[in-house]
Amino acid sequence: MWSTAPTKLSTLALTASCSSNVADHTRHRRILSPAFSDKSLRDQEPTITKHVAMLMRRLRERTGTAVDLVDWFNYTAFDIIGDLTFGEPFGCLEESRIHPWIHFIFANLSKLPSP
């Protein structure tokens, strides 16, 4: 874990616990594999395409100005994750900022107990 909260979401890197074993990995893979089947990925494509199109629109609006692409890729990723997980995006692309819930989670990750 981090000794202090990261100052930029792009610096975050969650890593697997060193105590993870083959049995846990196998169990996790079995649980998650249906989400990555050919059919599931095809079903998710319209959602992903919608958010990528929104990203492109938002970047075109800023033509001629400097933008931090890492921020915009984070906005896109979190909106896709929110839409696929909860059925609606977090609104990061729409608002051009990280949703307060996401900011809260990352700001408090360092307070979680280590495994």
Protein backbone atom coordinates (compact mmCIF):
# COMPACT_ATOMS: atom_id res chain seq x y z
CA MET A 1 0.00 0.00 0.00
CA TRP A 2 0.96 3.63 -0.34
CA SER A 3 2.34 5.62 2.55
CA THR A 4 0.45 8.66 1.24
CA ALA A 5 -2.45 9.00 -1.14
CA PRO A 6 -1.29 9.34 -4.77
CA THR A 7 -1.56 12.82 -6.18
CA LYS A 8 -2.56 11.71 -9.68
CA LEU A 9 -4.70 8.78 -10.70
CA SER A 10 -2.23 7.90 -13.44
CA THR A 11 0.32 6.97 -10.78
CA LEU A 12 -1.91 4.27 -9.35
CA ALA A 13 -0.97 0.67 -9.93
CA LEU A 14 -2.81 -2.03 -8.05
CA THR A 15 -0.79 -5.20 -7.79
CA ALA A 16 -1.75 -8.69 -6.77
CA SER A 17 -0.86 -9.74 -3.29
CA CYS A 18 2.32 -11.79 -2.98
CA SER A 19 0.39 -14.26 -0.84
CA SER A 20 -1.86 -15.18 -3.77
CA ASN A 21 -1.70 -18.84 -4.67
CA VAL A 22 -2.59 -20.98 -7.66
CA ALA A 23 -5.90 -22.14 -6.15
CA ASP A 24 -7.03 -18.55 -5.60
CA HIS A 25 -5.97 -17.60 -9.11
CA THR A 26 -7.87 -20.53 -10.60
CA ARG A 27 -11.00 -19.67 -8.60
CA HIS A 28 -10.85 -15.99 -9.58
CA ARG A 29 -10.28 -16.86 -13.22
CA ARG A 30 -13.27 -19.23 -13.23
CA ILE A 31 -15.50 -16.55 -11.72
CA LEU A 32 -14.38 -13.79 -14.09
CA SER A 33 -13.98 -15.73 -17.34
CA PRO A 34 -17.64 -15.41 -18.49
CA ALA A 35 -17.24 -11.63 -18.63
CA PHE A 36 -14.45 -12.08 -21.19
CA SER A 37 -16.07 -14.62 -23.49
CA ASP A 38 -16.44 -13.76 -27.19
CA LYS A 39 -20.17 -13.16 -26.74
CA SER A 40 -19.74 -10.97 -23.66
CA LEU A 41 -17.09 -8.85 -25.34
CA ARG A 42 -19.30 -8.43 -28.43
CA ASP A 43 -22.20 -7.43 -26.18
CA GLN A 44 -19.99 -4.82 -24.44
CA GLU A 45 -18.73 -3.29 -27.69
CA PRO A 46 -21.60 -0.75 -28.15
CA THR A 47 -21.08 0.57 -24.62
CA ILE A 48 -17.34 0.93 -25.11
CA THR A 49 -17.81 2.49 -28.57
CA LYS A 50 -20.27 5.03 -27.13
CA HIS A 51 -17.75 6.21 -24.54
CA VAL A 52 -14.85 6.31 -27.00
CA ALA A 53 -17.02 8.43 -29.34
CA MET A 54 -17.77 10.77 -26.41
CA LEU A 55 -14.03 10.99 -25.68
CA MET A 56 -13.36 11.96 -29.29
CA ARG A 57 -16.12 14.61 -29.22
CA ARG A 58 -14.78 16.09 -26.00
CA LEU A 59 -11.21 16.20 -27.35
CA ARG A 60 -12.38 17.83 -30.60
CA GLU A 61 -14.04 20.54 -28.49
CA ARG A 62 -10.59 21.32 -27.11
CA THR A 63 -8.78 21.47 -30.45
CA GLY A 64 -5.94 23.97 -30.26
CA THR A 65 -5.55 23.74 -26.49
CA ALA A 66 -3.25 21.54 -24.45
CA VAL A 67 -4.99 18.63 -22.74
CA ASP A 68 -3.75 15.98 -20.34
CA LEU A 69 -4.57 12.78 -22.21
CA VAL A 70 -3.96 10.69 -19.11
CA ASP A 71 -6.85 12.48 -17.42
CA TRP A 72 -9.09 11.95 -20.44
CA PHE A 73 -8.19 8.27 -20.71
CA ASN A 74 -9.00 7.91 -17.00
CA TYR A 75 -12.37 9.64 -17.51
CA THR A 76 -13.12 7.24 -20.35
CA ALA A 77 -12.02 4.15 -18.44
CA PHE A 78 -14.06 5.02 -15.35
CA ASP A 79 -17.16 5.82 -17.40
CA ILE A 80 -16.85 2.48 -19.22
CA ILE A 81 -16.30 0.62 -15.94
CA GLY A 82 -19.27 2.38 -14.33
CA ASP A 83 -21.53 1.69 -17.30
CA LEU A 84 -20.59 -1.98 -17.54
CA THR A 85 -20.67 -2.54 -13.78
CA PHE A 86 -23.53 -0.37 -12.56
CA GLY A 87 -25.51 0.28 -15.74
CA GLU A 88 -24.62 3.97 -15.91
CA PRO A 89 -21.39 5.92 -16.32
CA PHE A 90 -19.88 8.07 -13.60
CA GLY A 91 -20.19 11.13 -15.85
CA CYS A 92 -16.47 11.82 -15.95
CA LEU A 93 -16.44 12.52 -19.69
CA GLU A 94 -19.57 14.65 -19.46
CA GLU A 95 -18.23 16.72 -16.56
CA SER A 96 -14.55 16.68 -17.64
CA ARG A 97 -13.49 15.53 -14.18
CA ILE A 98 -13.21 12.48 -11.96
CA HIS A 99 -16.42 11.67 -10.11
CA PRO A 100 -16.21 12.49 -6.38
CA TRP A 101 -16.78 8.83 -5.43
CA ILE A 102 -13.79 7.71 -7.48
CA HIS A 103 -11.63 10.45 -6.00
CA PHE A 104 -12.75 9.43 -2.49
CA ILE A 105 -11.89 5.77 -3.09
CA PHE A 106 -8.39 6.49 -4.37
CA ALA A 107 -7.73 9.10 -1.71
CA ASN A 108 -8.53 6.51 0.97
CA LEU A 109 -6.85 3.39 -0.44
CA SER A 110 -3.86 3.92 1.80
CA LYS A 111 -6.11 3.57 4.84
CA LEU A 112 -7.10 -0.01 3.98
CA PRO A 113 -5.33 -2.71 5.97
CA SER A 114 -2.64 -4.61 4.13
CA PRO A 115 -3.45 -8.26 3.30
